Amino acid sequence: MAVKRLAFIGSSLDDLRNFPDEARRAAGFELRAIQNGLEPRDWKPMQSVGAGVREIRIRVLGEWRVIYLATIRDAVYVLHAFQKKTRKTSGHDIDLARSRCKQIGGTI
């Protein structure tokens, strides 16, 4: 199996770069696993964003999330990366990820 390329949509790369070093390294490790066809260690489906969309959960120096889609074409599409500050993911974060999913042809 070929390694899938990473494709960052919108500001997701800059957002990920703004994570604290330790959280950013953890996110990179998880994204690399996904590129190689493996599952991240801690994730959940994000059907509210789109079909096949998942959220990586990182618990290092706070709560951090990376929303991605790896089921279409030959890439892992990183839709959104953010710090989670409340128990429930905010509507703004879901709407932003949904909008970016539609940009790449993902389905809701």
PDB file of N, CA and C in Angstrom:
ATOM      1  N   MET A   1       0.843  -1.186   0.000  1.00  0.00           N
ATOM      2  CA  MET A   1       0.000   0.000   0.000  1.00  0.00           C
ATOM      3  C   MET A   1       0.893   1.256   0.000  1.00  0.00           C
ATOM      4  N   ALA A   2       0.555   2.166  -0.881  1.00  0.00           N
ATOM      5  CA  ALA A   2       1.325   3.401  -0.992  1.00  0.00           C
ATOM      6  C   ALA A   2       0.971   4.357   0.148  1.00  0.00           C
ATOM      7  N   VAL A   3       1.937   5.150   0.532  1.00  0.00           N
ATOM      8  CA  VAL A   3       1.712   6.155   1.567  1.00  0.00           C
ATOM      9  C   VAL A   3       0.893   7.284   0.954  1.00  0.00           C
ATOM     10  N   LYS A   4      -0.217   7.627   1.605  1.00  0.00           N
ATOM     11  CA  LYS A   4      -1.055   8.725   1.122  1.00  0.00           C
ATOM     12  C   LYS A   4      -0.397  10.055   1.465  1.00  0.00           C
ATOM     13  N   ARG A   5      -0.568  11.014   0.598  1.00  0.00           N
ATOM     14  CA  ARG A   5      -0.031  12.351   0.877  1.00  0.00           C
ATOM     15  C   ARG A   5      -0.970  13.077   1.851  1.00  0.00           C
ATOM     16  N   LEU A   6      -0.451  14.061   2.537  1.00  0.00           N
ATOM     17  CA  LEU A   6      -1.260  14.915   3.407  1.00  0.00           C
ATOM     18  C   LEU A   6      -1.666  16.150   2.621  1.00  0.00           C
ATOM     19  N   ALA A   7      -2.935  16.509   2.706  1.00  0.00           N
ATOM     20  CA  ALA A   7      -3.436  17.720   2.065  1.00  0.00           C
ATOM     21  C   ALA A   7      -4.145  18.535   3.135  1.00  0.00           C
ATOM     22  N   PHE A   8      -3.633  19.726   3.386  1.00  0.00           N
ATOM     23  CA  PHE A   8      -4.211  20.599   4.406  1.00  0.00           C
ATOM     24  C   PHE A   8      -5.158  21.573   3.731  1.00  0.00           C
ATOM     25  N   ILE A   9      -6.394  21.629   4.211  1.00  0.00           N
ATOM     26  CA  ILE A   9      -7.423  22.476   3.627  1.00  0.00           C
ATOM     27  C   ILE A   9      -7.568  23.737   4.478  1.00  0.00           C
ATOM     28  N   GLY A  10      -7.702  24.878   3.803  1.00  0.00           N
ATOM     29  CA  GLY A  10      -7.861  26.148   4.515  1.00  0.00           C
ATOM     30  C   GLY A  10      -6.655  26.439   5.391  1.00  0.00           C
ATOM     31  N   SER A  11      -6.920  26.871   6.610  1.00  0.00           N
ATOM     32  CA  SER A  11      -5.848  27.240   7.547  1.00  0.00           C
ATOM     33  C   SER A  11      -5.411  26.083   8.444  1.00  0.00           C
ATOM     34  N   SER A  12      -5.804  24.850   8.105  1.00  0.00           N
ATOM     35  CA  SER A  12      -5.547  23.721   9.008  1.00  0.00           C
ATOM     36  C   SER A  12      -4.059  23.501   9.284  1.00  0.00           C
ATOM     37  N   LEU A  13      -3.182  23.727   8.308  1.00  0.00           N
ATOM     38  CA  LEU A  13      -1.747  23.557   8.559  1.00  0.00           C
ATOM     39  C   LEU A  13      -1.248  24.613   9.543  1.00  0.00           C
ATOM     40  N   ASP A  14      -1.619  25.857   9.328  1.00  0.00           N
ATOM     41  CA  ASP A  14      -1.210  26.915  10.266  1.00  0.00           C
ATOM     42  C   ASP A  14      -1.787  26.662  11.656  1.00  0.00           C
ATOM     43  N   ASP A  15      -3.028  26.205  11.710  1.00  0.00           N
ATOM     44  CA  ASP A  15      -3.664  25.913  12.999  1.00  0.00           C
ATOM     45  C   ASP A  15      -2.916  24.797  13.723  1.00  0.00           C
ATOM     46  N   LEU A  16      -2.532  23.766  12.982  1.00  0.00           N
ATOM     47  CA  LEU A  16      -1.778  22.657  13.571  1.00  0.00           C
ATOM     48  C   LEU A  16      -0.401  23.122  14.038  1.00  0.00           C
ATOM     49  N   ARG A  17       0.216  23.995  13.276  1.00  0.00           N
ATOM     50  CA  ARG A  17       1.528  24.524  13.666  1.00  0.00           C
ATOM     51  C   ARG A  17       1.455  25.353  14.943  1.00  0.00           C
ATOM     52  N   ASN A  18       0.280  25.848  15.279  1.00  0.00           N
ATOM     53  CA  ASN A  18       0.106  26.634  16.497  1.00  0.00           C
ATOM     54  C   ASN A  18      -0.156  25.782  17.741  1.00  0.00           C
ATOM     55  N   PHE A  19      -0.269  24.466  17.582  1.00  0.00           N
ATOM     56  CA  PHE A  19      -0.387  23.584  18.739  1.00  0.00           C
ATOM     57  C   PHE A  19       0.916  23.671  19.536  1.00  0.00           C
ATOM     58  N   PRO A  20       0.881  23.418  20.840  1.00  0.00           N
ATOM     59  CA  PRO A  20       2.142  23.299  21.599  1.00  0.00           C
ATOM     60  C   PRO A  20       2.992  22.170  21.004  1.00  0.00           C
ATOM     61  N   ASP A  21       4.311  22.265  21.146  1.00  0.00           N
ATOM     62  CA  ASP A  21       5.219  21.297  20.519  1.00  0.00           C
ATOM     63  C   ASP A  21       4.819  19.848  20.764  1.00  0.00           C
ATOM     64  N   GLU A  22       4.537  19.498  21.999  1.00  0.00           N
ATOM     65  CA  GLU A  22       4.225  18.119  22.336  1.00  0.00           C
ATOM     66  C   GLU A  22       2.926  17.655  21.672  1.00  0.00           C
ATOM     67  N   ALA A  23       1.921  18.501  21.657  1.00  0.00           N
ATOM     68  CA  ALA A  23       0.647  18.169  21.005  1.00  0.00           C
ATOM     69  C   ALA A  23       0.831  18.085  19.490  1.00  0.00           C
ATOM     70  N   ARG A  24       1.653  18.960  18.929  1.00  0.00           N
ATOM     71  CA  ARG A  24       1.915  18.943  17.489  1.00  0.00           C
ATOM     72  C   ARG A  24       2.633  17.650  17.089  1.00  0.00           C
ATOM     73  N   ARG A  25       3.597  17.220  17.899  1.00  0.00           N
ATOM     74  CA  ARG A  25       4.296  15.963  17.616  1.00  0.00           C
ATOM     75  C   ARG A  25       3.325  14.785  17.674  1.00  0.00           C
ATOM     76  N   ALA A  26       2.444  14.782  18.664  1.00  0.00           N
ATOM     77  CA  ALA A  26       1.456  13.702  18.782  1.00  0.00           C
ATOM     78  C   ALA A  26       0.535  13.681  17.558  1.00  0.00           C
ATOM     79  N   ALA A  27       0.108  14.855  17.121  1.00  0.00           N
ATOM     80  CA  ALA A  27      -0.756  14.942  15.932  1.00  0.00           C
ATOM     81  C   ALA A  27      -0.008  14.433  14.702  1.00  0.00           C
ATOM     82  N   GLY A  28       1.252  14.800  14.566  1.00  0.00           N
ATOM     83  CA  GLY A  28       2.054  14.341  13.432  1.00  0.00           C
ATOM     84  C   GLY A  28       2.218  12.839  13.422  1.00  0.00           C
ATOM     85  N   PHE A  29       2.427  12.250  14.587  1.00  0.00           N
ATOM     86  CA  PHE A  29       2.556  10.798  14.705  1.00  0.00           C
ATOM     87  C   PHE A  29       1.271  10.122  14.245  1.00  0.00           C
ATOM     88  N   GLU A  30       0.131  10.647  14.701  1.00  0.00           N
ATOM     89  CA  GLU A  30      -1.167  10.061  14.329  1.00  0.00           C
ATOM     90  C   GLU A  30      -1.442  10.222  12.837  1.00  0.00           C
ATOM     91  N   LEU A  31      -1.132  11.396  12.276  1.00  0.00           N
ATOM     92  CA  LEU A  31      -1.345  11.612  10.846  1.00  0.00           C
ATOM     93  C   LEU A  31      -0.458  10.698  10.010  1.00  0.00           C
ATOM     94  N   ARG A  32       0.757  10.460  10.470  1.00  0.00           N
ATOM     95  CA  ARG A  32       1.658   9.551   9.752  1.00  0.00           C
ATOM     96  C   ARG A  32       1.094   8.138   9.746  1.00  0.00           C
ATOM     97  N   ALA A  33       0.535   7.706  10.858  1.00  0.00           N
ATOM     98  CA  ALA A  33      -0.083   6.378  10.911  1.00  0.00           C
ATOM     99  C   ALA A  33      -1.219   6.282   9.894  1.00  0.00           C
ATOM    100  N   ILE A  34      -2.050   7.324   9.829  1.00  0.00           N
ATOM    101  CA  ILE A  34      -3.170   7.334   8.892  1.00  0.00           C
ATOM    102  C   ILE A  34      -2.656   7.291   7.457  1.00  0.00           C
ATOM    103  N   GLN A  35      -1.601   8.038   7.157  1.00  0.00           N
ATOM    104  CA  GLN A  35      -1.008   8.020   5.818  1.00  0.00           C
ATOM    105  C   GLN A  35      -0.591   6.604   5.419  1.00  0.00           C
ATOM    106  N   ASN A  36      -0.212   5.799   6.394  1.00  0.00           N
ATOM    107  CA  ASN A  36       0.236   4.426   6.149  1.00  0.00           C
ATOM    108  C   ASN A  36      -0.893   3.409   6.255  1.00  0.00           C
ATOM    109  N   GLY A  37      -2.140   3.888   6.338  1.00  0.00           N
ATOM    110  CA  GLY A  37      -3.287   2.988   6.353  1.00  0.00           C
ATOM    111  C   GLY A  37      -3.652   2.440   7.718  1.00  0.00           C
ATOM    112  N   LEU A  38      -3.072   2.981   8.777  1.00  0.00           N
ATOM    113  CA  LEU A  38      -3.363   2.521  10.133  1.00  0.00           C
ATOM    114  C   LEU A  38      -4.396   3.428  10.797  1.00  0.00           C
ATOM    115  N   GLU A  39      -4.917   2.975  11.908  1.00  0.00           N
ATOM    116  CA  GLU A  39      -5.872   3.764  12.686  1.00  0.00           C
ATOM    117  C   GLU A  39      -5.120   4.628  13.703  1.00  0.00           C
ATOM    118  N   PRO A  40      -5.610   5.843  13.958  1.00  0.00           N
ATOM    119  CA  PRO A  40      -5.021   6.614  15.064  1.00  0.00           C
ATOM    120  C   PRO A  40      -5.377   5.945  16.388  1.00  0.00           C
ATOM    121  N   ARG A  41      -4.629   6.263  17.433  1.00  0.00           N
ATOM    122  CA  ARG A  41      -4.865   5.630  18.734  1.00  0.00           C
ATOM    123  C   ARG A  41      -6.190   6.035  19.359  1.00  0.00           C
ATOM    124  N   ASP A  42      -6.566   7.296  19.243  1.00  0.00           N
ATOM    125  CA  ASP A  42      -7.795   7.785  19.879  1.00  0.00           C
ATOM    126  C   ASP A  42      -8.544   8.645  18.868  1.00  0.00           C
ATOM    127  N   TRP A  43      -9.676   8.162  18.407  1.00  0.00           N
ATOM    128  CA  TRP A  43     -10.445   8.881  17.402  1.00  0.00           C
ATOM    129  C   TRP A  43     -11.926   8.593  17.582  1.00  0.00           C
ATOM    130  N   LYS A  44     -12.726   9.403  16.906  1.00  0.00           N
ATOM    131  CA  LYS A  44     -14.154   9.126  16.846  1.00  0.00           C
ATOM    132  C   LYS A  44     -14.677   9.591  15.493  1.00  0.00           C
ATOM    133  N   PRO A  45     -15.742   8.959  15.012  1.00  0.00           N
ATOM    134  CA  PRO A  45     -16.332   9.398  13.740  1.00  0.00           C
ATOM    135  C   PRO A  45     -17.012  10.749  13.916  1.00  0.00           C
ATOM    136  N   MET A  46     -16.997  11.537  12.855  1.00  0.00           N
ATOM    137  CA  MET A  46     -17.639  12.861  12.863  1.00  0.00           C
ATOM    138  C   MET A  46     -18.672  12.912  11.729  1.00  0.00           C
ATOM    139  N   GLN A  47     -19.704  12.094  11.853  1.00  0.00           N
ATOM    140  CA  GLN A  47     -20.751  12.035  10.833  1.00  0.00           C
ATOM    141  C   GLN A  47     -21.428  13.382  10.634  1.00  0.00           C
ATOM    142  N   SER A  48     -21.430  14.222  11.670  1.00  0.00           N
ATOM    143  CA  SER A  48     -22.040  15.547  11.543  1.00  0.00           C
ATOM    144  C   SER A  48     -21.272  16.435  10.571  1.00  0.00           C
ATOM    145  N   VAL A  49     -20.015  16.086  10.295  1.00  0.00           N
ATOM    146  CA  VAL A  49     -19.200  16.838   9.340  1.00  0.00           C
ATOM    147  C   VAL A  49     -19.361  16.245   7.944  1.00  0.00           C
ATOM    148  N   GLY A  50     -19.289  14.923   7.837  1.00  0.00           N
ATOM    149  CA  GLY A  50     -19.417  14.272   6.542  1.00  0.00           C
ATOM    150  C   GLY A  50     -19.149  12.785   6.632  1.00  0.00           C
ATOM    151  N   ALA A  51     -19.523  12.075   5.592  1.00  0.00           N
ATOM    152  CA  ALA A  51     -19.323  10.632   5.547  1.00  0.00           C
ATOM    153  C   ALA A  51     -17.829  10.312   5.552  1.00  0.00           C
ATOM    154  N   GLY A  52     -17.411   9.441   6.460  1.00  0.00           N
ATOM    155  CA  GLY A  52     -16.020   9.016   6.540  1.00  0.00           C
ATOM    156  C   GLY A  52     -15.098   9.966   7.285  1.00  0.00           C
ATOM    157  N   VAL A  53     -15.621  11.088   7.762  1.00  0.00           N
ATOM    158  CA  VAL A  53     -14.793  12.064   8.477  1.00  0.00           C
ATOM    159  C   VAL A  53     -14.571  11.571   9.911  1.00  0.00           C
ATOM    160  N   ARG A  54     -13.344  11.734  10.372  1.00  0.00           N
ATOM    161  CA  ARG A  54     -12.976  11.323  11.727  1.00  0.00           C
ATOM    162  C   ARG A  54     -12.269  12.461  12.449  1.00  0.00           C
ATOM    163  N   GLU A  55     -12.233  12.335  13.759  1.00  0.00           N
ATOM    164  CA  GLU A  55     -11.573  13.315  14.612  1.00  0.00           C
ATOM    165  C   GLU A  55     -10.520  12.596  15.440  1.00  0.00           C
ATOM    166  N   ILE A  56      -9.273  13.039  15.335  1.00  0.00           N
ATOM    167  CA  ILE A  56      -8.204  12.531  16.199  1.00  0.00           C
ATOM    168  C   ILE A  56      -8.285  13.312  17.502  1.00  0.00           C
ATOM    169  N   ARG A  57      -8.256  12.594  18.619  1.00  0.00           N
ATOM    170  CA  ARG A  57      -8.294  13.247  19.926  1.00  0.00           C
ATOM    171  C   ARG A  57      -6.912  13.173  20.561  1.00  0.00           C
ATOM    172  N   ILE A  58      -6.367  14.336  20.873  1.00  0.00           N
ATOM    173  CA  ILE A  58      -5.038  14.441  21.476  1.00  0.00           C
ATOM    174  C   ILE A  58      -5.194  15.081  22.843  1.00  0.00           C
ATOM    175  N   ARG A  59      -4.703  14.383  23.846  1.00  0.00           N
ATOM    176  CA  ARG A  59      -4.819  14.871  25.225  1.00  0.00           C
ATOM    177  C   ARG A  59      -3.419  15.107  25.781  1.00  0.00           C
ATOM    178  N   VAL A  60      -2.810  16.194  25.333  1.00  0.00           N
ATOM    179  CA  VAL A  60      -1.469  16.592  25.762  1.00  0.00           C
ATOM    180  C   VAL A  60      -1.508  18.098  25.991  1.00  0.00           C
ATOM    181  N   LEU A  61      -1.251  18.528  27.211  1.00  0.00           N
ATOM    182  CA  LEU A  61      -1.286  19.963  27.534  1.00  0.00           C
ATOM    183  C   LEU A  61      -2.628  20.581  27.142  1.00  0.00           C
ATOM    184  N   GLY A  62      -3.698  19.870  27.416  1.00  0.00           N
ATOM    185  CA  GLY A  62      -5.035  20.312  27.053  1.00  0.00           C
ATOM    186  C   GLY A  62      -5.666  19.320  26.089  1.00  0.00           C
ATOM    187  N   GLU A  63      -6.763  19.729  25.506  1.00  0.00           N
ATOM    188  CA  GLU A  63      -7.488  18.895  24.551  1.00  0.00           C
ATOM    189  C   GLU A  63      -7.334  19.503  23.155  1.00  0.00           C
ATOM    190  N   TRP A  64      -6.870  18.706  22.217  1.00  0.00           N
ATOM    191  CA  TRP A  64      -6.622  19.159  20.845  1.00  0.00           C
ATOM    192  C   TRP A  64      -7.303  18.198  19.899  1.00  0.00           C
ATOM    193  N   ARG A  65      -7.762  18.708  18.775  1.00  0.00           N
ATOM    194  CA  ARG A  65      -8.469  17.879  17.800  1.00  0.00           C
ATOM    195  C   ARG A  65      -7.968  18.152  16.390  1.00  0.00           C
ATOM    196  N   VAL A  66      -7.923  17.090  15.599  1.00  0.00           N
ATOM    197  CA  VAL A  66      -7.610  17.188  14.177  1.00  0.00           C
ATOM    198  C   VAL A  66      -8.708  16.425  13.442  1.00  0.00           C
ATOM    199  N   ILE A  67      -9.467  17.129  12.628  1.00  0.00           N
ATOM    200  CA  ILE A  67     -10.544  16.514  11.857  1.00  0.00           C
ATOM    201  C   ILE A  67     -10.024  16.249  10.454  1.00  0.00           C
ATOM    202  N   TYR A  68     -10.212  15.010   9.987  1.00  0.00           N
ATOM    203  CA  TYR A  68      -9.640  14.621   8.695  1.00  0.00           C
ATOM    204  C   TYR A  68     -10.563  13.679   7.932  1.00  0.00           C
ATOM    205  N   LEU A  69     -10.276  13.535   6.648  1.00  0.00           N
ATOM    206  CA  LEU A  69     -10.981  12.607   5.779  1.00  0.00           C
ATOM    207  C   LEU A  69      -9.926  11.842   4.989  1.00  0.00           C
ATOM    208  N   ALA A  70      -9.967  10.516   5.065  1.00  0.00           N
ATOM    209  CA  ALA A  70      -8.953   9.708   4.384  1.00  0.00           C
ATOM    210  C   ALA A  70      -9.582   8.699   3.426  1.00  0.00           C
ATOM    211  N   THR A  71     -10.866   8.836   3.151  1.00  0.00           N
ATOM    212  CA  THR A  71     -11.555   7.811   2.356  1.00  0.00           C
ATOM    213  C   THR A  71     -11.667   8.145   0.875  1.00  0.00           C
ATOM    214  N   ILE A  72     -11.254   9.326   0.451  1.00  0.00           N
ATOM    215  CA  ILE A  72     -11.347   9.641  -0.978  1.00  0.00           C
ATOM    216  C   ILE A  72      -9.967   9.884  -1.564  1.00  0.00           C
ATOM    217  N   ARG A  73      -9.838   9.498  -2.811  1.00  0.00           N
ATOM    218  CA  ARG A  73      -8.608   9.684  -3.579  1.00  0.00           C
ATOM    219  C   ARG A  73      -7.372   9.129  -2.868  1.00  0.00           C
ATOM    220  N   ASP A  74      -6.251   9.723  -3.136  1.00  0.00           N
ATOM    221  CA  ASP A  74      -4.971   9.198  -2.647  1.00  0.00           C
ATOM    222  C   ASP A  74      -4.364  10.070  -1.553  1.00  0.00           C
ATOM    223  N   ALA A  75      -5.204  10.774  -0.798  1.00  0.00           N
ATOM    224  CA  ALA A  75      -4.674  11.701   0.209  1.00  0.00           C
ATOM    225  C   ALA A  75      -5.452  11.605   1.512  1.00  0.00           C
ATOM    226  N   VAL A  76      -4.806  12.087   2.551  1.00  0.00           N
ATOM    227  CA  VAL A  76      -5.454  12.325   3.841  1.00  0.00           C
ATOM    228  C   VAL A  76      -5.704  13.824   3.883  1.00  0.00           C
ATOM    229  N   TYR A  77      -6.968  14.209   3.923  1.00  0.00           N
ATOM    230  CA  TYR A  77      -7.333  15.620   3.914  1.00  0.00           C
ATOM    231  C   TYR A  77      -7.552  16.089   5.346  1.00  0.00           C
ATOM    232  N   VAL A  78      -6.710  17.012   5.791  1.00  0.00           N
ATOM    233  CA  VAL A  78      -6.855  17.591   7.120  1.00  0.00           C
ATOM    234  C   VAL A  78      -7.783  18.794   6.966  1.00  0.00           C
ATOM    235  N   LEU A  79      -8.976  18.675   7.548  1.00  0.00           N
ATOM    236  CA  LEU A  79     -10.005  19.684   7.377  1.00  0.00           C
ATOM    237  C   LEU A  79      -9.912  20.800   8.409  1.00  0.00           C
ATOM    238  N   HIS A  80      -9.547  20.441   9.644  1.00  0.00           N
ATOM    239  CA  HIS A  80      -9.540  21.436  10.714  1.00  0.00           C
ATOM    240  C   HIS A  80      -8.682  20.922  11.864  1.00  0.00           C
ATOM    241  N   ALA A  81      -7.980  21.816  12.538  1.00  0.00           N
ATOM    242  CA  ALA A  81      -7.172  21.497  13.718  1.00  0.00           C
ATOM    243  C   ALA A  81      -7.409  22.613  14.731  1.00  0.00           C
ATOM    244  N   PHE A  82      -7.739  22.226  15.969  1.00  0.00           N
ATOM    245  CA  PHE A  82      -8.119  23.237  16.950  1.00  0.00           C
ATOM    246  C   PHE A  82      -7.973  22.714  18.369  1.00  0.00           C
ATOM    247  N   GLN A  83      -7.975  23.642  19.314  1.00  0.00           N
ATOM    248  CA  GLN A  83      -7.999  23.292  20.731  1.00  0.00           C
ATOM    249  C   GLN A  83      -9.446  23.200  21.161  1.00  0.00           C
ATOM    250  N   LYS A  84      -9.778  22.125  21.816  1.00  0.00           N
ATOM    251  CA  LYS A  84     -11.141  21.938  22.307  1.00  0.00           C
ATOM    252  C   LYS A  84     -11.206  22.476  23.725  1.00  0.00           C
ATOM    253  N   LYS A  85     -12.106  23.420  23.944  1.00  0.00           N
ATOM    254  CA  LYS A  85     -12.175  24.081  25.246  1.00  0.00           C
ATOM    255  C   LYS A  85     -13.428  23.737  26.033  1.00  0.00           C
ATOM    256  N   THR A  86     -14.389  23.077  25.393  1.00  0.00           N
ATOM    257  CA  THR A  86     -15.623  22.681  26.072  1.00  0.00           C
ATOM    258  C   THR A  86     -15.857  21.195  25.856  1.00  0.00           C
ATOM    259  N   ARG A  87     -16.783  20.649  26.590  1.00  0.00           N
ATOM    260  CA  ARG A  87     -17.086  19.226  26.492  1.00  0.00           C
ATOM    261  C   ARG A  87     -17.590  18.851  25.096  1.00  0.00           C
ATOM    262  N   LYS A  88     -18.426  19.686  24.529  1.00  0.00           N
ATOM    263  CA  LYS A  88     -19.004  19.430  23.211  1.00  0.00           C
ATOM    264  C   LYS A  88     -18.266  20.271  22.161  1.00  0.00           C
ATOM    265  N   THR A  89     -18.006  19.668  21.001  1.00  0.00           N
ATOM    266  CA  THR A  89     -17.352  20.411  19.910  1.00  0.00           C
ATOM    267  C   THR A  89     -18.272  21.541  19.469  1.00  0.00           C
ATOM    268  N   SER A  90     -17.719  22.730  19.341  1.00  0.00           N
ATOM    269  CA  SER A  90     -18.526  23.905  19.018  1.00  0.00           C
ATOM    270  C   SER A  90     -19.114  23.812  17.613  1.00  0.00           C
ATOM    271  N   GLY A  91     -20.244  24.449  17.435  1.00  0.00           N
ATOM    272  CA  GLY A  91     -20.886  24.501  16.131  1.00  0.00           C
ATOM    273  C   GLY A  91     -20.003  25.161  15.097  1.00  0.00           C
ATOM    274  N   HIS A  92     -19.242  26.165  15.521  1.00  0.00           N
ATOM    275  CA  HIS A  92     -18.326  26.851  14.610  1.00  0.00           C
ATOM    276  C   HIS A  92     -17.294  25.873  14.045  1.00  0.00           C
ATOM    277  N   ASP A  93     -16.707  25.046  14.904  1.00  0.00           N
ATOM    278  CA  ASP A  93     -15.691  24.095  14.458  1.00  0.00           C
ATOM    279  C   ASP A  93     -16.296  23.045  13.520  1.00  0.00           C
ATOM    280  N   ILE A  94     -17.485  22.563  13.831  1.00  0.00           N
ATOM    281  CA  ILE A  94     -18.162  21.583  12.980  1.00  0.00           C
ATOM    282  C   ILE A  94     -18.513  22.204  11.633  1.00  0.00           C
ATOM    283  N   ASP A  95     -19.059  23.420  11.643  1.00  0.00           N
ATOM    284  CA  ASP A  95     -19.424  24.096  10.396  1.00  0.00           C
ATOM    285  C   ASP A  95     -18.207  24.351   9.512  1.00  0.00           C
ATOM    286  N   LEU A  96     -17.104  24.755  10.119  1.00  0.00           N
ATOM    287  CA  LEU A  96     -15.884  25.013   9.357  1.00  0.00           C
ATOM    288  C   LEU A  96     -15.371  23.731   8.706  1.00  0.00           C
ATOM    289  N   ALA A  97     -15.332  22.647   9.475  1.00  0.00           N
ATOM    290  CA  ALA A  97     -14.876  21.366   8.932  1.00  0.00           C
ATOM    291  C   ALA A  97     -15.832  20.881   7.836  1.00  0.00           C
ATOM    292  N   ARG A  98     -17.130  21.049   8.035  1.00  0.00           N
ATOM    293  CA  ARG A  98     -18.120  20.641   7.037  1.00  0.00           C
ATOM    294  C   ARG A  98     -17.932  21.418   5.735  1.00  0.00           C
ATOM    295  N   SER A  99     -17.719  22.717   5.851  1.00  0.00           N
ATOM    296  CA  SER A  99     -17.497  23.558   4.677  1.00  0.00           C
ATOM    297  C   SER A  99     -16.245  23.118   3.906  1.00  0.00           C
ATOM    298  N   ARG A 100     -15.192  22.806   4.613  1.00  0.00           N
ATOM    299  CA  ARG A 100     -13.953  22.365   3.974  1.00  0.00           C
ATOM    300  C   ARG A 100     -14.113  20.975   3.367  1.00  0.00           C
ATOM    301  N   CYS A 101     -14.919  20.142   3.998  1.00  0.00           N
ATOM    302  CA  CYS A 101     -15.196  18.810   3.450  1.00  0.00           C
ATOM    303  C   CYS A 101     -15.916  18.945   2.108  1.00  0.00           C
ATOM    304  N   LYS A 102     -16.866  19.838   2.038  1.00  0.00           N
ATOM    305  CA  LYS A 102     -17.590  20.067   0.775  1.00  0.00           C
ATOM    306  C   LYS A 102     -16.648  20.589  -0.300  1.00  0.00           C
ATOM    307  N   GLN A 103     -15.644  21.400   0.079  1.00  0.00           N
ATOM    308  CA  GLN A 103     -14.667  21.940  -0.876  1.00  0.00           C
ATOM    309  C   GLN A 103     -13.929  20.844  -1.622  1.00  0.00           C
ATOM    310  N   ILE A 104     -13.661  19.735  -0.946  1.00  0.00           N
ATOM    311  CA  ILE A 104     -12.885  18.664  -1.569  1.00  0.00           C
ATOM    312  C   ILE A 104     -13.776  17.571  -2.168  1.00  0.00           C
ATOM    313  N   GLY A 105     -15.077  17.778  -2.111  1.00  0.00           N
ATOM    314  CA  GLY A 105     -15.992  16.819  -2.715  1.00  0.00           C
ATOM    315  C   GLY A 105     -16.489  15.752  -1.774  1.00  0.00           C
ATOM    316  N   GLY A 106     -16.310  15.946  -0.473  1.00  0.00           N
ATOM    317  CA  GLY A 106     -16.835  14.999   0.495  1.00  0.00           C
ATOM    318  C   GLY A 106     -18.356  15.112   0.572  1.00  0.00           C
ATOM    319  N   THR A 107     -19.007  14.060   1.065  1.00  0.00           N
ATOM    320  CA  THR A 107     -20.465  14.073   1.165  1.00  0.00           C
ATOM    321  C   THR A 107     -20.908  14.085   2.618  1.00  0.00           C
ATOM    322  N   ILE A 108     -22.046  14.708   2.836  1.00  0.00           N
ATOM    323  CA  ILE A 108     -22.600  14.816   4.195  1.00  0.00           C
ATOM    324  C   ILE A 108     -23.522  13.636   4.445  1.00  0.00           C
TER     325      ILE A 108
END
